[in-house]
Every structure is written in C-alpha cells, then in structure tokens.
Amino acid sequence: MRLDKWLWHARFFKTRSLATRYIEKSRCRIDGRVVDKAHATVAPGMILTFALGPKVRVIKVVALGERRGPAPEARLLYEEIEPR
C-alpha cells in the first residue's frame, strides 16, 4: 500500500493530499531509510518514523486498511513504539 494512503487510513492526516504534501516536504523514514515519495510501499511489520506536531512518532505497521474507518478501527492498523 502507498505510504500516503496508509497514513490517511490510520488517521494521522485529515486528507490524503495533506499526507502526500507532508511526505514530500518532510523527512519520513521507513525502516530507517529516508523517504520523500508518497508512493513508497508500506507493509505490515515496517517501522515508520516521522515528526508530527511537537513529537517524533515511531509506528509499527500492524495491518493495511481497506477503508478510512472510525478512530478505534484506525488504531488497530498500528502500534506505537517509544522513541529511544
């Protein structure tokens, strides 16, 4: 699944276009590798690192969403990992 679509499904961004712009302008990492393309592939087991607001988020992808559902459903797509 595309990174921008997954971030939108997981409700980190209100719209997919906001997720796309964020990825292209910011330094997101997938498994420690810097990514600046919204079409980067995300799969379960991958670790995403990105700054959102005042804190750095470290997220483990648990599942891929089929739709953008309610917040409780979106929280099942990832697992929060505390940054070291």
PDB file of N, CA and C in Angstrom:
ATOM      1  N   MET A   1       0.843  -1.177   0.000  1.00  0.00           N
ATOM      2  CA  MET A   1       0.000   0.000   0.000  1.00  0.00           C
ATOM      3  C   MET A   1       0.889   1.241   0.000  1.00  0.00           C
ATOM      4  N   ARG A   2       0.430   2.287  -0.623  1.00  0.00           N
ATOM      5  CA  ARG A   2       1.159   3.559  -0.662  1.00  0.00           C
ATOM      6  C   ARG A   2       1.235   4.179   0.736  1.00  0.00           C
ATOM      7  N   LEU A   3       2.349   4.825   1.019  1.00  0.00           N
ATOM      8  CA  LEU A   3       2.551   5.452   2.321  1.00  0.00           C
ATOM      9  C   LEU A   3       1.503   6.520   2.604  1.00  0.00           C
ATOM     10  N   ASP A   4       1.220   7.397   1.634  1.00  0.00           N
ATOM     11  CA  ASP A   4       0.241   8.462   1.869  1.00  0.00           C
ATOM     12  C   ASP A   4      -1.145   7.903   2.162  1.00  0.00           C
ATOM     13  N   LYS A   5      -1.518   6.863   1.462  1.00  0.00           N
ATOM     14  CA  LYS A   5      -2.832   6.248   1.665  1.00  0.00           C
ATOM     15  C   LYS A   5      -2.906   5.591   3.045  1.00  0.00           C
ATOM     16  N   TRP A   6      -1.822   4.922   3.465  1.00  0.00           N
ATOM     17  CA  TRP A   6      -1.829   4.280   4.778  1.00  0.00           C
ATOM     18  C   TRP A   6      -1.918   5.313   5.897  1.00  0.00           C
ATOM     19  N   LEU A   7      -1.144   6.401   5.788  1.00  0.00           N
ATOM     20  CA  LEU A   7      -1.191   7.451   6.814  1.00  0.00           C
ATOM     21  C   LEU A   7      -2.583   8.067   6.916  1.00  0.00           C
ATOM     22  N   TRP A   8      -3.260   8.198   5.795  1.00  0.00           N
ATOM     23  CA  TRP A   8      -4.626   8.716   5.777  1.00  0.00           C
ATOM     24  C   TRP A   8      -5.591   7.706   6.403  1.00  0.00           C
ATOM     25  N   HIS A   9      -5.471   6.431   6.048  1.00  0.00           N
ATOM     26  CA  HIS A   9      -6.325   5.381   6.630  1.00  0.00           C
ATOM     27  C   HIS A   9      -6.126   5.305   8.140  1.00  0.00           C
ATOM     28  N   ALA A  10      -4.887   5.469   8.603  1.00  0.00           N
ATOM     29  CA  ALA A  10      -4.580   5.382  10.035  1.00  0.00           C
ATOM     30  C   ALA A  10      -4.915   6.673  10.777  1.00  0.00           C
ATOM     31  N   ARG A  11      -5.463   7.643  10.055  1.00  0.00           N
ATOM     32  CA  ARG A  11      -5.941   8.914  10.608  1.00  0.00           C
ATOM     33  C   ARG A  11      -4.851   9.802  11.200  1.00  0.00           C
ATOM     34  N   PHE A  12      -3.655   9.757  10.630  1.00  0.00           N
ATOM     35  CA  PHE A  12      -2.622  10.701  11.025  1.00  0.00           C
ATOM     36  C   PHE A  12      -2.826  12.034  10.306  1.00  0.00           C
ATOM     37  N   PHE A  13      -3.521  11.997   9.162  1.00  0.00           N
ATOM     38  CA  PHE A  13      -3.818  13.200   8.384  1.00  0.00           C
ATOM     39  C   PHE A  13      -5.281  13.214   7.998  1.00  0.00           C
ATOM     40  N   LYS A  14      -5.843  14.426   7.905  1.00  0.00           N
ATOM     41  CA  LYS A  14      -7.259  14.593   7.599  1.00  0.00           C
ATOM     42  C   LYS A  14      -7.588  14.238   6.150  1.00  0.00           C
ATOM     43  N   THR A  15      -6.663  14.534   5.236  1.00  0.00           N
ATOM     44  CA  THR A  15      -6.881  14.212   3.824  1.00  0.00           C
ATOM     45  C   THR A  15      -5.643  13.514   3.268  1.00  0.00           C
ATOM     46  N   ARG A  16      -5.841  12.789   2.198  1.00  0.00           N
ATOM     47  CA  ARG A  16      -4.724  12.092   1.564  1.00  0.00           C
ATOM     48  C   ARG A  16      -3.760  13.092   0.933  1.00  0.00           C
ATOM     49  N   SER A  17      -4.278  14.195   0.405  1.00  0.00           N
ATOM     50  CA  SER A  17      -3.398  15.196  -0.204  1.00  0.00           C
ATOM     51  C   SER A  17      -2.509  15.859   0.850  1.00  0.00           C
ATOM     52  N   LEU A  18      -3.008  16.041   2.064  1.00  0.00           N
ATOM     53  CA  LEU A  18      -2.162  16.571   3.150  1.00  0.00           C
ATOM     54  C   LEU A  18      -1.049  15.582   3.477  1.00  0.00           C
ATOM     55  N   ALA A  19      -1.371  14.306   3.492  1.00  0.00           N
ATOM     56  CA  ALA A  19      -0.363  13.269   3.758  1.00  0.00           C
ATOM     57  C   ALA A  19       0.693  13.284   2.657  1.00  0.00           C
ATOM     58  N   THR A  20       0.271  13.420   1.407  1.00  0.00           N
ATOM     59  CA  THR A  20       1.198  13.458   0.274  1.00  0.00           C
ATOM     60  C   THR A  20       2.144  14.640   0.386  1.00  0.00           C
ATOM     61  N   ARG A  21       1.606  15.824   0.658  1.00  0.00           N
ATOM     62  CA  ARG A  21       2.452  17.021   0.786  1.00  0.00           C
ATOM     63  C   ARG A  21       3.419  16.893   1.952  1.00  0.00           C
ATOM     64  N   TYR A  22       2.959  16.334   3.073  1.00  0.00           N
ATOM     65  CA  TYR A  22       3.824  16.162   4.234  1.00  0.00           C
ATOM     66  C   TYR A  22       5.004  15.255   3.903  1.00  0.00           C
ATOM     67  N   ILE A  23       4.736  14.147   3.247  1.00  0.00           N
ATOM     68  CA  ILE A  23       5.792  13.188   2.900  1.00  0.00           C
ATOM     69  C   ILE A  23       6.816  13.827   1.975  1.00  0.00           C
ATOM     70  N   GLU A  24       6.349  14.594   0.992  1.00  0.00           N
ATOM     71  CA  GLU A  24       7.256  15.206   0.019  1.00  0.00           C
ATOM     72  C   GLU A  24       8.109  16.313   0.628  1.00  0.00           C
ATOM     73  N   LYS A  25       7.608  17.006   1.662  1.00  0.00           N
ATOM     74  CA  LYS A  25       8.345  18.124   2.259  1.00  0.00           C
ATOM     75  C   LYS A  25       9.106  17.743   3.528  1.00  0.00           C
ATOM     76  N   SER A  26       8.685  16.696   4.193  1.00  0.00           N
ATOM     77  CA  SER A  26       9.297  16.325   5.471  1.00  0.00           C
ATOM     78  C   SER A  26      10.167  15.090   5.323  1.00  0.00           C
ATOM     79  N   ARG A  27      10.852  14.783   6.396  1.00  0.00           N
ATOM     80  CA  ARG A  27      11.746  13.620   6.381  1.00  0.00           C
ATOM     81  C   ARG A  27      11.065  12.465   7.092  1.00  0.00           C
ATOM     82  N   CYS A  28      10.359  11.663   6.341  1.00  0.00           N
ATOM     83  CA  CYS A  28       9.758  10.437   6.875  1.00  0.00           C
ATOM     84  C   CYS A  28      10.762   9.315   6.668  1.00  0.00           C
ATOM     85  N   ARG A  29      10.717   8.329   7.537  1.00  0.00           N
ATOM     86  CA  ARG A  29      11.598   7.172   7.398  1.00  0.00           C
ATOM     87  C   ARG A  29      10.775   5.894   7.444  1.00  0.00           C
ATOM     88  N   ILE A  30      11.138   4.970   6.578  1.00  0.00           N
ATOM     89  CA  ILE A  30      10.569   3.631   6.600  1.00  0.00           C
ATOM     90  C   ILE A  30      11.728   2.692   6.880  1.00  0.00           C
ATOM     91  N   ASP A  31      11.680   2.006   8.009  1.00  0.00           N
ATOM     92  CA  ASP A  31      12.761   1.114   8.448  1.00  0.00           C
ATOM     93  C   ASP A  31      14.122   1.818   8.429  1.00  0.00           C
ATOM     94  N   GLY A  32      14.151   3.091   8.862  1.00  0.00           N
ATOM     95  CA  GLY A  32      15.387   3.844   8.945  1.00  0.00           C
ATOM     96  C   GLY A  32      15.840   4.500   7.656  1.00  0.00           C
ATOM     97  N   ARG A  33      15.151   4.261   6.565  1.00  0.00           N
ATOM     98  CA  ARG A  33      15.523   4.808   5.250  1.00  0.00           C
ATOM     99  C   ARG A  33      14.667   6.048   4.975  1.00  0.00           C
ATOM    100  N   VAL A  34      15.302   7.182   4.652  1.00  0.00           N
ATOM    101  CA  VAL A  34      14.586   8.421   4.380  1.00  0.00           C
ATOM    102  C   VAL A  34      13.760   8.268   3.102  1.00  0.00           C
ATOM    103  N   VAL A  35      12.492   8.696   3.181  1.00  0.00           N
ATOM    104  CA  VAL A  35      11.567   8.588   2.050  1.00  0.00           C
ATOM    105  C   VAL A  35      10.960   9.959   1.785  1.00  0.00           C
ATOM    106  N   ASP A  36      10.944  10.370   0.520  1.00  0.00           N
ATOM    107  CA  ASP A  36      10.295  11.633   0.168  1.00  0.00           C
ATOM    108  C   ASP A  36       9.291  11.452  -0.971  1.00  0.00           C
ATOM    109  N   LYS A  37       8.892  10.226  -1.219  1.00  0.00           N
ATOM    110  CA  LYS A  37       7.909   9.915  -2.256  1.00  0.00           C
ATOM    111  C   LYS A  37       6.661   9.333  -1.615  1.00  0.00           C
ATOM    112  N   ALA A  38       5.517   9.878  -1.943  1.00  0.00           N
ATOM    113  CA  ALA A  38       4.257   9.427  -1.357  1.00  0.00           C
ATOM    114  C   ALA A  38       3.897   8.016  -1.796  1.00  0.00           C
ATOM    115  N   HIS A  39       4.453   7.572  -2.914  1.00  0.00           N
ATOM    116  CA  HIS A  39       4.111   6.235  -3.418  1.00  0.00           C
ATOM    117  C   HIS A  39       4.993   5.128  -2.833  1.00  0.00           C
ATOM    118  N   ALA A  40       5.816   5.458  -1.835  1.00  0.00           N
ATOM    119  CA  ALA A  40       6.645   4.438  -1.180  1.00  0.00           C
ATOM    120  C   ALA A  40       5.736   3.350  -0.607  1.00  0.00           C
ATOM    121  N   THR A  41       6.163   2.118  -0.708  1.00  0.00           N
ATOM    122  CA  THR A  41       5.343   0.982  -0.282  1.00  0.00           C
ATOM    123  C   THR A  41       5.466   0.720   1.216  1.00  0.00           C
ATOM    124  N   VAL A  42       4.323   0.477   1.838  1.00  0.00           N
ATOM    125  CA  VAL A  42       4.250   0.152   3.262  1.00  0.00           C
ATOM    126  C   VAL A  42       3.621  -1.232   3.392  1.00  0.00           C
ATOM    127  N   ALA A  43       4.184  -2.049   4.280  1.00  0.00           N
ATOM    128  CA  ALA A  43       3.662  -3.391   4.523  1.00  0.00           C
ATOM    129  C   ALA A  43       3.689  -3.674   6.030  1.00  0.00           C
ATOM    130  N   PRO A  44       2.883  -4.598   6.493  1.00  0.00           N
ATOM    131  CA  PRO A  44       2.902  -4.940   7.916  1.00  0.00           C
ATOM    132  C   PRO A  44       4.304  -5.354   8.373  1.00  0.00           C
ATOM    133  N   GLY A  45       4.676  -4.884   9.573  1.00  0.00           N
ATOM    134  CA  GLY A  45       5.988  -5.185  10.129  1.00  0.00           C
ATOM    135  C   GLY A  45       6.986  -4.058   9.942  1.00  0.00           C
ATOM    136  N   MET A  46       6.706  -3.120   9.048  1.00  0.00           N
ATOM    137  CA  MET A  46       7.620  -1.997   8.808  1.00  0.00           C
ATOM    138  C   MET A  46       7.497  -0.974   9.936  1.00  0.00           C
ATOM    139  N   ILE A  47       8.589  -0.244  10.179  1.00  0.00           N
ATOM    140  CA  ILE A  47       8.635   0.798  11.194  1.00  0.00           C
ATOM    141  C   ILE A  47       8.673   2.151  10.498  1.00  0.00           C
ATOM    142  N   LEU A  48       7.721   3.031  10.835  1.00  0.00           N
ATOM    143  CA  LEU A  48       7.672   4.387  10.286  1.00  0.00           C
ATOM    144  C   LEU A  48       8.098   5.366  11.357  1.00  0.00           C
ATOM    145  N   THR A  49       8.913   6.333  10.979  1.00  0.00           N
ATOM    146  CA  THR A  49       9.346   7.386  11.892  1.00  0.00           C
ATOM    147  C   THR A  49       9.086   8.718  11.218  1.00  0.00           C
ATOM    148  N   PHE A  50       8.368   9.604  11.912  1.00  0.00           N
ATOM    149  CA  PHE A  50       8.082  10.926  11.355  1.00  0.00           C
ATOM    150  C   PHE A  50       7.721  11.880  12.486  1.00  0.00           C
ATOM    151  N   ALA A  51       7.991  13.164  12.255  1.00  0.00           N
ATOM    152  CA  ALA A  51       7.661  14.193  13.238  1.00  0.00           C
ATOM    153  C   ALA A  51       6.265  14.701  12.925  1.00  0.00           C
ATOM    154  N   LEU A  52       5.405  14.662  13.913  1.00  0.00           N
ATOM    155  CA  LEU A  52       4.046  15.153  13.749  1.00  0.00           C
ATOM    156  C   LEU A  52       3.734  16.018  14.956  1.00  0.00           C
ATOM    157  N   GLY A  53       3.622  17.310  14.717  1.00  0.00           N
ATOM    158  CA  GLY A  53       3.455  18.227  15.827  1.00  0.00           C
ATOM    159  C   GLY A  53       4.775  18.357  16.572  1.00  0.00           C
ATOM    160  N   PRO A  54       4.727  18.460  17.891  1.00  0.00           N
ATOM    161  CA  PRO A  54       5.958  18.649  18.667  1.00  0.00           C
ATOM    162  C   PRO A  54       6.728  17.368  18.953  1.00  0.00           C
ATOM    163  N   LYS A  55       6.195  16.197  18.585  1.00  0.00           N
ATOM    164  CA  LYS A  55       6.899  14.969  18.939  1.00  0.00           C
ATOM    165  C   LYS A  55       7.174  14.089  17.727  1.00  0.00           C
ATOM    166  N   VAL A  56       8.147  13.234  17.898  1.00  0.00           N
ATOM    167  CA  VAL A  56       8.514  12.275  16.856  1.00  0.00           C
ATOM    168  C   VAL A  56       7.695  11.011  17.096  1.00  0.00           C
ATOM    169  N   ARG A  57       7.019  10.546  16.057  1.00  0.00           N
ATOM    170  CA  ARG A  57       6.207   9.336  16.154  1.00  0.00           C
ATOM    171  C   ARG A  57       6.981   8.165  15.571  1.00  0.00           C
ATOM    172  N   VAL A  58       7.036   7.077  16.303  1.00  0.00           N
ATOM    173  CA  VAL A  58       7.640   5.835  15.830  1.00  0.00           C
ATOM    174  C   VAL A  58       6.520   4.801  15.856  1.00  0.00           C
ATOM    175  N   ILE A  59       6.153   4.328  14.670  1.00  0.00           N
ATOM    176  CA  ILE A  59       4.977   3.496  14.499  1.00  0.00           C
ATOM    177  C   ILE A  59       5.352   2.187  13.832  1.00  0.00           C
ATOM    178  N   LYS A  60       4.828   1.084  14.330  1.00  0.00           N
ATOM    179  CA  LYS A  60       4.986  -0.205  13.660  1.00  0.00           C
ATOM    180  C   LYS A  60       3.678  -0.495  12.931  1.00  0.00           C
ATOM    181  N   VAL A  61       3.762  -0.738  11.631  1.00  0.00           N
ATOM    182  CA  VAL A  61       2.583  -1.044  10.829  1.00  0.00           C
ATOM    183  C   VAL A  61       2.144  -2.467  11.171  1.00  0.00           C
ATOM    184  N   VAL A  62       0.907  -2.601  11.641  1.00  0.00           N
ATOM    185  CA  VAL A  62       0.371  -3.904  12.024  1.00  0.00           C
ATOM    186  C   VAL A  62      -0.498  -4.478  10.903  1.00  0.00           C
ATOM    187  N   ALA A  63      -1.267  -3.594  10.256  1.00  0.00           N
ATOM    188  CA  ALA A  63      -2.179  -4.043   9.198  1.00  0.00           C
ATOM    189  C   ALA A  63      -2.366  -2.937   8.174  1.00  0.00           C
ATOM    190  N   LEU A  64      -2.870  -3.308   7.013  1.00  0.00           N
ATOM    191  CA  LEU A  64      -3.214  -2.358   5.966  1.00  0.00           C
ATOM    192  C   LEU A  64      -4.725  -2.178   5.992  1.00  0.00           C
ATOM    193  N   GLY A  65      -5.170  -0.936   5.933  1.00  0.00           N
ATOM    194  CA  GLY A  65      -6.607  -0.684   5.973  1.00  0.00           C
ATOM    195  C   GLY A  65      -7.230  -0.776   4.593  1.00  0.00           C
ATOM    196  N   GLU A  66      -8.465  -1.234   4.554  1.00  0.00           N
ATOM    197  CA  GLU A  66      -9.196  -1.280   3.292  1.00  0.00           C
ATOM    198  C   GLU A  66      -9.999  -0.013   3.081  1.00  0.00           C
ATOM    199  N   ARG A  67     -10.261   0.704   4.184  1.00  0.00           N
ATOM    200  CA  ARG A  67     -11.010   1.957   4.102  1.00  0.00           C
ATOM    201  C   ARG A  67     -10.573   2.851   5.246  1.00  0.00           C
ATOM    202  N   ARG A  68     -10.982   4.098   5.185  1.00  0.00           N
ATOM    203  CA  ARG A  68     -10.700   5.025   6.276  1.00  0.00           C
ATOM    204  C   ARG A  68     -11.888   4.981   7.222  1.00  0.00           C
ATOM    205  N   GLY A  69     -11.765   4.179   8.232  1.00  0.00           N
ATOM    206  CA  GLY A  69     -12.866   3.978   9.166  1.00  0.00           C
ATOM    207  C   GLY A  69     -12.769   4.893  10.371  1.00  0.00           C
ATOM    208  N   PRO A  70     -13.568   4.622  11.388  1.00  0.00           N
ATOM    209  CA  PRO A  70     -13.531   5.426  12.613  1.00  0.00           C
ATOM    210  C   PRO A  70     -12.208   5.262  13.364  1.00  0.00           C
ATOM    211  N   ALA A  71     -11.948   6.180  14.274  1.00  0.00           N
ATOM    212  CA  ALA A  71     -10.677   6.196  15.006  1.00  0.00           C
ATOM    213  C   ALA A  71     -10.351   4.873  15.701  1.00  0.00           C
ATOM    214  N   PRO A  72     -11.300   4.215  16.386  1.00  0.00           N
ATOM    215  CA  PRO A  72     -10.947   2.937  17.026  1.00  0.00           C
ATOM    216  C   PRO A  72     -10.476   1.890  16.014  1.00  0.00           C
ATOM    217  N   GLU A  73     -11.059   1.892  14.843  1.00  0.00           N
ATOM    218  CA  GLU A  73     -10.640   0.964  13.785  1.00  0.00           C
ATOM    219  C   GLU A  73      -9.260   1.343  13.250  1.00  0.00           C
ATOM    220  N   ALA A  74      -8.986   2.638  13.140  1.00  0.00           N
ATOM    221  CA  ALA A  74      -7.698   3.116  12.634  1.00  0.00           C
ATOM    222  C   ALA A  74      -6.563   2.762  13.589  1.00  0.00           C
ATOM    223  N   ARG A  75      -6.819   2.778  14.896  1.00  0.00           N
ATOM    224  CA  ARG A  75      -5.781   2.447  15.875  1.00  0.00           C
ATOM    225  C   ARG A  75      -5.339   0.987  15.795  1.00  0.00           C
ATOM    226  N   LEU A  76      -6.131   0.139  15.178  1.00  0.00           N
ATOM    227  CA  LEU A  76      -5.765  -1.265  15.014  1.00  0.00           C
ATOM    228  C   LEU A  76      -4.754  -1.467  13.893  1.00  0.00           C
ATOM    229  N   LEU A  77      -4.513  -0.422  13.087  1.00  0.00           N
ATOM    230  CA  LEU A  77      -3.587  -0.523  11.958  1.00  0.00           C
ATOM    231  C   LEU A  77      -2.124  -0.366  12.378  1.00  0.00           C
ATOM    232  N   TYR A  78      -1.880   0.172  13.567  1.00  0.00           N
ATOM    233  CA  TYR A  78      -0.502   0.437  14.004  1.00  0.00           C
ATOM    234  C   TYR A  78      -0.331   0.220  15.489  1.00  0.00           C
ATOM    235  N   GLU A  79       0.958   0.161  15.859  1.00  0.00           N
ATOM    236  CA  GLU A  79       1.361   0.009  17.240  1.00  0.00           C
ATOM    237  C   GLU A  79       2.383   1.108  17.518  1.00  0.00           C
ATOM    238  N   GLU A  80       2.156   1.877  18.536  1.00  0.00           N
ATOM    239  CA  GLU A  80       3.063   2.976  18.903  1.00  0.00           C
ATOM    240  C   GLU A  80       4.296   2.403  19.592  1.00  0.00           C
ATOM    241  N   ILE A  81       5.460   2.846  19.174  1.00  0.00           N
ATOM    242  CA  ILE A  81       6.731   2.442  19.782  1.00  0.00           C
ATOM    243  C   ILE A  81       7.377   3.692  20.365  1.00  0.00           C
ATOM    244  N   GLU A  82       7.857   3.606  21.569  1.00  0.00           N
ATOM    245  CA  GLU A  82       8.510   4.754  22.193  1.00  0.00           C
ATOM    246  C   GLU A  82       9.880   4.986  21.552  1.00  0.00           C
ATOM    247  N   PRO A  83      10.165   6.248  21.147  1.00  0.00           N
ATOM    248  CA  PRO A  83      11.494   6.522  20.562  1.00  0.00           C
ATOM    249  C   PRO A  83      12.596   6.354  21.608  1.00  0.00           C
ATOM    250  N   ARG A  84      13.759   5.900  21.171  1.00  0.00           N
ATOM    251  CA  ARG A  84      14.886   5.679  22.085  1.00  0.00           C
ATOM    252  C   ARG A  84      15.631   6.943  22.337  1.00  0.00           C
TER     253      ARG A  84
END
